[in-house]
Amino acid sequence: MTVRRLASAAAVLLLLSALAGGARGQSPECPRWREAFAGMPTRMLTVQTGARTLALRVRSADTPERQAGGFQCATPDEIQRNLILFDFGHEIVTQFHMNNVRAALDIAFVKADGRIFAILRMEPSPSALYGPMGAFRYALEARAGFFESQGIRQGESRLSVPEAAR
């Protein structure tokens, strides 16, 4: 083989290897979760942090299917560009998992009155569970570092969800 053919063959093998590696890590449920993510409506909400008010555009996990899906099987770019609001309708005690999530996330847990009382970092894991110490109504998922970069702190910030978004 010539050097040119060897280089072409190596490039093809590298591409096939990358494609196989990506497919190997995918859950058979990914089409279901991708559909749930794509179907999440977008909403606006605000976060009051100190003297600042931040307007945030979020995807709304507004059904049990969308809540179960969250960021599962989302691309790293989708995780960077999106926030997901979970509204459970009333305060509950539950935990979140990071199965089929490709990047670390931060999650803010919010009481029914809007007070952000806990912010946790979640790492990709097929088995770890994450939850606050106590009941919450809302959870807001974002890329790792988002809340810190925006000055949003637990115990000091409040979430406001307009009635139409609930």
C-alpha atoms as a PDB file:
ATOM      1  CA  MET A   1       0.000   0.000   0.000  1.00  0.00           C
ATOM      2  CA  THR A   2       1.099   3.527  -0.622  1.00  0.00           C
ATOM      3  CA  VAL A   3       1.449   6.046   2.166  1.00  0.00           C
ATOM      4  CA  ARG A   4      -1.652   7.842   0.903  1.00  0.00           C
ATOM      5  CA  ARG A   5      -3.750   4.638   1.068  1.00  0.00           C
ATOM      6  CA  LEU A   6      -2.416   3.820   4.525  1.00  0.00           C
ATOM      7  CA  ALA A   7      -3.394   7.291   5.746  1.00  0.00           C
ATOM      8  CA  SER A   8      -6.870   6.930   4.216  1.00  0.00           C
ATOM      9  CA  ALA A   9      -7.322   3.469   5.729  1.00  0.00           C
ATOM     10  CA  ALA A  10      -6.189   4.746   9.119  1.00  0.00           C
ATOM     11  CA  ALA A  11      -8.640   7.664   8.921  1.00  0.00           C
ATOM     12  CA  VAL A  12     -11.517   5.308   8.071  1.00  0.00           C
ATOM     13  CA  LEU A  13     -10.593   2.982  10.953  1.00  0.00           C
ATOM     14  CA  LEU A  14     -10.401   5.938  13.347  1.00  0.00           C
ATOM     15  CA  LEU A  15     -13.831   7.179  12.240  1.00  0.00           C
ATOM     16  CA  LEU A  16     -15.401   3.723  12.565  1.00  0.00           C
ATOM     17  CA  SER A  17     -13.835   3.301  15.988  1.00  0.00           C
ATOM     18  CA  ALA A  18     -15.241   6.635  17.159  1.00  0.00           C
ATOM     19  CA  LEU A  19     -18.703   5.789  15.858  1.00  0.00           C
ATOM     20  CA  ALA A  20     -18.674   2.374  17.514  1.00  0.00           C
ATOM     21  CA  GLY A  21     -17.509   3.878  20.805  1.00  0.00           C
ATOM     22  CA  GLY A  22     -20.322   6.427  20.781  1.00  0.00           C
ATOM     23  CA  ALA A  23     -22.969   3.819  20.022  1.00  0.00           C
ATOM     24  CA  ARG A  24     -21.567   1.401  22.593  1.00  0.00           C
ATOM     25  CA  GLY A  25     -22.265   3.842  25.457  1.00  0.00           C
ATOM     26  CA  GLN A  26     -25.819   4.634  24.346  1.00  0.00           C
ATOM     27  CA  SER A  27     -28.787   3.233  26.197  1.00  0.00           C
ATOM     28  CA  PRO A  28     -31.463   1.558  24.095  1.00  0.00           C
ATOM     29  CA  GLU A  29     -33.851   4.033  25.770  1.00  0.00           C
ATOM     30  CA  CYS A  30     -32.057   7.056  24.262  1.00  0.00           C
ATOM     31  CA  PRO A  31     -34.599   7.568  21.453  1.00  0.00           C
ATOM     32  CA  ARG A  32     -37.315   7.807  24.115  1.00  0.00           C
ATOM     33  CA  TRP A  33     -35.333  10.331  26.204  1.00  0.00           C
ATOM     34  CA  ARG A  34     -34.277  12.337  23.148  1.00  0.00           C
ATOM     35  CA  GLU A  35     -37.949  12.650  22.172  1.00  0.00           C
ATOM     36  CA  ALA A  36     -38.908  13.732  25.706  1.00  0.00           C
ATOM     37  CA  PHE A  37     -36.140  16.372  25.733  1.00  0.00           C
ATOM     38  CA  ALA A  38     -37.076  17.676  22.282  1.00  0.00           C
ATOM     39  CA  GLY A  39     -40.735  17.981  23.330  1.00  0.00           C
ATOM     40  CA  MET A  40     -40.096  20.106  26.417  1.00  0.00           C
ATOM     41  CA  PRO A  41     -41.742  23.514  25.998  1.00  0.00           C
ATOM     42  CA  THR A  42     -39.693  26.592  26.817  1.00  0.00           C
ATOM     43  CA  ARG A  43     -40.689  29.020  29.546  1.00  0.00           C
ATOM     44  CA  MET A  44     -39.307  32.141  31.169  1.00  0.00           C
ATOM     45  CA  LEU A  45     -38.659  32.475  34.868  1.00  0.00           C
ATOM     46  CA  THR A  46     -36.717  34.845  37.064  1.00  0.00           C
ATOM     47  CA  VAL A  47     -34.186  34.401  39.816  1.00  0.00           C
ATOM     48  CA  GLN A  48     -33.698  37.154  42.367  1.00  0.00           C
ATOM     49  CA  THR A  49     -30.178  37.071  43.751  1.00  0.00           C
ATOM     50  CA  GLY A  50     -29.202  40.025  45.887  1.00  0.00           C
ATOM     51  CA  ALA A  51     -30.046  43.218  43.997  1.00  0.00           C
ATOM     52  CA  ARG A  52     -29.984  41.421  40.627  1.00  0.00           C
ATOM     53  CA  THR A  53     -32.896  39.839  38.802  1.00  0.00           C
ATOM     54  CA  LEU A  54     -31.985  37.257  36.181  1.00  0.00           C
ATOM     55  CA  ALA A  55     -34.431  36.299  33.429  1.00  0.00           C
ATOM     56  CA  LEU A  56     -33.863  32.692  32.415  1.00  0.00           C
ATOM     57  CA  ARG A  57     -35.267  30.743  29.504  1.00  0.00           C
ATOM     58  CA  VAL A  58     -35.783  27.129  30.549  1.00  0.00           C
ATOM     59  CA  ARG A  59     -37.106  23.893  29.143  1.00  0.00           C
ATOM     60  CA  SER A  60     -40.033  22.666  31.198  1.00  0.00           C
ATOM     61  CA  ALA A  61     -40.113  19.032  32.315  1.00  0.00           C
ATOM     62  CA  ASP A  62     -43.878  19.297  32.646  1.00  0.00           C
ATOM     63  CA  THR A  63     -44.921  15.640  32.376  1.00  0.00           C
ATOM     64  CA  PRO A  64     -43.751  12.500  34.197  1.00  0.00           C
ATOM     65  CA  GLU A  65     -42.097  11.295  30.958  1.00  0.00           C
ATOM     66  CA  ARG A  66     -40.155  14.542  30.522  1.00  0.00           C
ATOM     67  CA  GLN A  67     -39.234  14.554  34.212  1.00  0.00           C
ATOM     68  CA  ALA A  68     -37.916  10.998  33.942  1.00  0.00           C
ATOM     69  CA  GLY A  69     -35.895  11.951  30.858  1.00  0.00           C
ATOM     70  CA  GLY A  70     -34.348  15.245  31.926  1.00  0.00           C
ATOM     71  CA  PHE A  71     -30.900  15.537  30.336  1.00  0.00           C
ATOM     72  CA  GLN A  72     -30.578  11.787  29.673  1.00  0.00           C
ATOM     73  CA  CYS A  73     -28.916  11.216  26.288  1.00  0.00           C
ATOM     74  CA  ALA A  74     -28.652  14.982  25.647  1.00  0.00           C
ATOM     75  CA  THR A  75     -25.529  16.083  23.826  1.00  0.00           C
ATOM     76  CA  PRO A  76     -22.846  18.038  25.699  1.00  0.00           C
ATOM     77  CA  ASP A  77     -23.802  21.083  23.584  1.00  0.00           C
ATOM     78  CA  GLU A  78     -27.473  20.762  24.598  1.00  0.00           C
ATOM     79  CA  ILE A  79     -26.410  20.575  28.242  1.00  0.00           C
ATOM     80  CA  GLN A  80     -24.302  23.740  27.829  1.00  0.00           C
ATOM     81  CA  ARG A  81     -27.128  25.709  26.195  1.00  0.00           C
ATOM     82  CA  ASN A  82     -30.185  24.616  28.198  1.00  0.00           C
ATOM     83  CA  LEU A  83     -31.692  24.683  31.662  1.00  0.00           C
ATOM     84  CA  ILE A  84     -34.458  22.311  32.714  1.00  0.00           C
ATOM     85  CA  LEU A  85     -37.136  23.245  35.260  1.00  0.00           C
ATOM     86  CA  PHE A  86     -38.904  20.404  37.060  1.00  0.00           C
ATOM     87  CA  ASP A  87     -42.185  21.457  38.721  1.00  0.00           C
ATOM     88  CA  PHE A  88     -43.726  18.682  40.812  1.00  0.00           C
ATOM     89  CA  GLY A  89     -46.845  20.716  41.664  1.00  0.00           C
ATOM     90  CA  HIS A  90     -46.294  20.419  45.397  1.00  0.00           C
ATOM     91  CA  GLU A  91     -43.370  19.754  47.714  1.00  0.00           C
ATOM     92  CA  ILE A  92     -42.035  16.214  47.475  1.00  0.00           C
ATOM     93  CA  VAL A  93     -39.031  14.209  48.590  1.00  0.00           C
ATOM     94  CA  THR A  94     -37.298  12.460  45.711  1.00  0.00           C
ATOM     95  CA  GLN A  95     -33.861  12.019  44.198  1.00  0.00           C
ATOM     96  CA  PHE A  96     -32.304  12.541  40.772  1.00  0.00           C
ATOM     97  CA  HIS A  97     -29.949  10.237  38.888  1.00  0.00           C
ATOM     98  CA  MET A  98     -27.346  10.859  36.200  1.00  0.00           C
ATOM     99  CA  ASN A  99     -27.800   7.704  34.142  1.00  0.00           C
ATOM    100  CA  ASN A 100     -27.083   8.384  30.452  1.00  0.00           C
ATOM    101  CA  VAL A 101     -26.007  11.983  31.158  1.00  0.00           C
ATOM    102  CA  ARG A 102     -22.696  12.885  29.498  1.00  0.00           C
ATOM    103  CA  ALA A 103     -21.597  15.906  31.526  1.00  0.00           C
ATOM    104  CA  ALA A 104     -21.672  17.076  35.122  1.00  0.00           C
ATOM    105  CA  LEU A 105     -24.673  19.153  36.146  1.00  0.00           C
ATOM    106  CA  ASP A 106     -25.624  21.491  38.950  1.00  0.00           C
ATOM    107  CA  ILE A 107     -29.105  21.239  40.385  1.00  0.00           C
ATOM    108  CA  ALA A 108     -30.898  23.818  42.528  1.00  0.00           C
ATOM    109  CA  PHE A 109     -33.706  22.638  44.795  1.00  0.00           C
ATOM    110  CA  VAL A 110     -36.460  25.150  45.453  1.00  0.00           C
ATOM    111  CA  LYS A 111     -39.228  25.326  48.064  1.00  0.00           C
ATOM    112  CA  ALA A 112     -42.806  26.148  47.040  1.00  0.00           C
ATOM    113  CA  ASP A 113     -42.235  29.762  48.136  1.00  0.00           C
ATOM    114  CA  GLY A 114     -39.355  30.090  45.623  1.00  0.00           C
ATOM    115  CA  ARG A 115     -36.459  29.912  48.084  1.00  0.00           C
ATOM    116  CA  ILE A 116     -33.444  28.080  46.653  1.00  0.00           C
ATOM    117  CA  PHE A 117     -32.350  26.052  49.668  1.00  0.00           C
ATOM    118  CA  ALA A 118     -29.837  23.619  48.181  1.00  0.00           C
ATOM    119  CA  ILE A 119     -27.528  23.475  45.170  1.00  0.00           C
ATOM    120  CA  LEU A 120     -25.694  20.235  44.406  1.00  0.00           C
ATOM    121  CA  ARG A 121     -23.151  19.110  41.808  1.00  0.00           C
ATOM    122  CA  MET A 122     -24.113  15.871  40.054  1.00  0.00           C
ATOM    123  CA  GLU A 123     -21.539  13.745  38.237  1.00  0.00           C
ATOM    124  CA  PRO A 124     -22.398  11.249  35.477  1.00  0.00           C
ATOM    125  CA  SER A 125     -22.995   7.866  37.070  1.00  0.00           C
ATOM    126  CA  PRO A 126     -25.173   4.847  36.395  1.00  0.00           C
ATOM    127  CA  SER A 127     -25.946   4.426  40.108  1.00  0.00           C
ATOM    128  CA  ALA A 128     -25.499   7.626  42.168  1.00  0.00           C
ATOM    129  CA  LEU A 129     -28.613   9.409  43.465  1.00  0.00           C
ATOM    130  CA  TYR A 130     -28.775  13.115  44.323  1.00  0.00           C
ATOM    131  CA  GLY A 131     -31.280  14.938  46.476  1.00  0.00           C
ATOM    132  CA  PRO A 132     -31.461  17.646  49.118  1.00  0.00           C
ATOM    133  CA  MET A 133     -32.144  17.205  52.799  1.00  0.00           C
ATOM    134  CA  GLY A 134     -35.844  18.006  52.674  1.00  0.00           C
ATOM    135  CA  ALA A 135     -38.865  18.417  50.464  1.00  0.00           C
ATOM    136  CA  PHE A 136     -38.925  20.692  47.424  1.00  0.00           C
ATOM    137  CA  ARG A 137     -41.383  21.729  44.712  1.00  0.00           C
ATOM    138  CA  TYR A 138     -39.017  22.769  41.934  1.00  0.00           C
ATOM    139  CA  ALA A 139     -35.630  21.610  40.726  1.00  0.00           C
ATOM    140  CA  LEU A 140     -33.578  23.529  38.191  1.00  0.00           C
ATOM    141  CA  GLU A 141     -30.852  21.620  36.316  1.00  0.00           C
ATOM    142  CA  ALA A 142     -27.989  23.414  34.569  1.00  0.00           C
ATOM    143  CA  ARG A 143     -24.474  22.765  33.337  1.00  0.00           C
ATOM    144  CA  ALA A 144     -21.867  22.409  36.051  1.00  0.00           C
ATOM    145  CA  GLY A 145     -20.795  25.822  37.338  1.00  0.00           C
ATOM    146  CA  PHE A 146     -23.846  27.703  36.051  1.00  0.00           C
ATOM    147  CA  PHE A 147     -25.243  28.825  39.406  1.00  0.00           C
ATOM    148  CA  GLU A 148     -21.863  29.973  40.704  1.00  0.00           C
ATOM    149  CA  SER A 149     -21.168  31.867  37.467  1.00  0.00           C
ATOM    150  CA  GLN A 150     -24.485  33.728  37.861  1.00  0.00           C
ATOM    151  CA  GLY A 151     -24.055  34.483  41.572  1.00  0.00           C
ATOM    152  CA  ILE A 152     -26.986  32.233  42.496  1.00  0.00           C
ATOM    153  CA  ARG A 153     -26.460  30.918  46.036  1.00  0.00           C
ATOM    154  CA  GLN A 154     -28.474  28.574  48.178  1.00  0.00           C
ATOM    155  CA  GLY A 155     -30.280  30.356  50.987  1.00  0.00           C
ATOM    156  CA  GLU A 156     -29.816  33.748  49.281  1.00  0.00           C
ATOM    157  CA  SER A 157     -31.652  33.435  45.955  1.00  0.00           C
ATOM    158  CA  ARG A 158     -35.320  33.083  44.990  1.00  0.00           C
ATOM    159  CA  LEU A 159     -36.943  31.545  41.949  1.00  0.00           C
ATOM    160  CA  SER A 160     -40.130  33.033  40.532  1.00  0.00           C
ATOM    161  CA  VAL A 161     -42.179  30.957  38.086  1.00  0.00           C
ATOM    162  CA  PRO A 162     -45.003  32.848  36.365  1.00  0.00           C
ATOM    163  CA  GLU A 163     -48.445  31.219  36.735  1.00  0.00           C
ATOM    164  CA  ALA A 164     -48.642  30.530  32.986  1.00  0.00           C
ATOM    165  CA  ALA A 165     -45.459  28.433  33.211  1.00  0.00           C
ATOM    166  CA  ARG A 166     -46.740  26.185  35.987  1.00  0.00           C
END
